[in-house]
Amino acid sequence: MLTISEVVEEIGVPLSTFYRWRQLKKGPRAIKLPNGAVRIRRSELERWITALEEAA
């Protein structure tokens, strides 16, 4: 599972953009852990990127 910092570095967007996408429910699905940390599964990130490519 990836941290938000790892995801934004990989896809090359500012952290603020990623949080806006989360607010608008346009980003990859995330998991909130019991300690409050947010993680994104690698498979979910890849699925989300594929969906964006298909829509383009």
Protein backbone atom coordinates (compact mmCIF):
# COMPACT_ATOMS: atom_id res chain seq x y z
CA MET A 1 0.00 0.00 0.00
CA LEU A 2 1.18 3.49 -0.89
CA THR A 3 1.15 6.66 1.14
CA ILE A 4 -0.37 9.81 -0.31
CA SER A 5 3.13 11.28 -0.67
CA GLU A 6 4.22 8.26 -2.73
CA VAL A 7 1.15 8.53 -4.95
CA VAL A 8 1.53 12.25 -5.70
CA GLU A 9 5.22 11.76 -6.45
CA GLU A 10 4.44 8.89 -8.81
CA ILE A 11 1.67 10.66 -10.72
CA GLY A 12 3.34 14.07 -10.60
CA VAL A 13 0.64 16.29 -9.14
CA PRO A 14 0.75 18.68 -6.17
CA LEU A 15 -0.54 17.40 -2.85
CA SER A 16 -3.32 20.01 -2.91
CA THR A 17 -4.57 18.63 -6.23
CA PHE A 18 -4.70 15.12 -4.85
CA TYR A 19 -6.70 16.27 -1.81
CA ARG A 20 -9.11 18.19 -4.06
CA TRP A 21 -9.63 15.03 -6.13
CA ARG A 22 -10.35 13.11 -2.92
CA GLN A 23 -12.87 15.75 -1.88
CA LEU A 24 -14.59 15.54 -5.27
CA LYS A 25 -14.36 11.71 -5.26
CA LYS A 26 -12.35 11.80 -8.49
CA GLY A 27 -9.13 10.26 -7.19
CA PRO A 28 -8.20 6.65 -6.56
CA ARG A 29 -10.07 4.93 -3.75
CA ALA A 30 -8.21 5.13 -0.48
CA ILE A 31 -8.21 3.17 2.76
CA LYS A 32 -8.23 4.92 6.12
CA LEU A 33 -6.33 2.86 8.66
CA PRO A 34 -7.33 2.68 12.35
CA ASN A 35 -4.49 5.06 13.23
CA GLY A 36 -5.93 7.67 10.83
CA ALA A 37 -3.32 7.19 8.10
CA VAL A 38 -4.58 7.03 4.52
CA ARG A 39 -3.21 4.47 2.06
CA ILE A 40 -3.89 3.63 -1.56
CA ARG A 41 -3.49 0.10 -2.85
CA ARG A 42 -1.11 -0.19 -5.79
CA SER A 43 -3.79 -2.15 -7.70
CA GLU A 44 -6.34 0.64 -7.12
CA LEU A 45 -3.90 3.31 -8.36
CA GLU A 46 -3.24 1.27 -11.50
CA ARG A 47 -6.99 0.71 -12.06
CA TRP A 48 -7.65 4.44 -11.68
CA ILE A 49 -4.87 5.36 -14.13
CA THR A 50 -6.18 2.82 -16.65
CA ALA A 51 -9.69 4.28 -16.36
CA LEU A 52 -8.28 7.77 -17.04
CA GLU A 53 -6.41 6.50 -20.10
CA GLU A 54 -9.54 4.85 -21.47
CA ALA A 55 -11.58 8.03 -20.96
CA ALA A 56 -9.00 10.19 -22.76
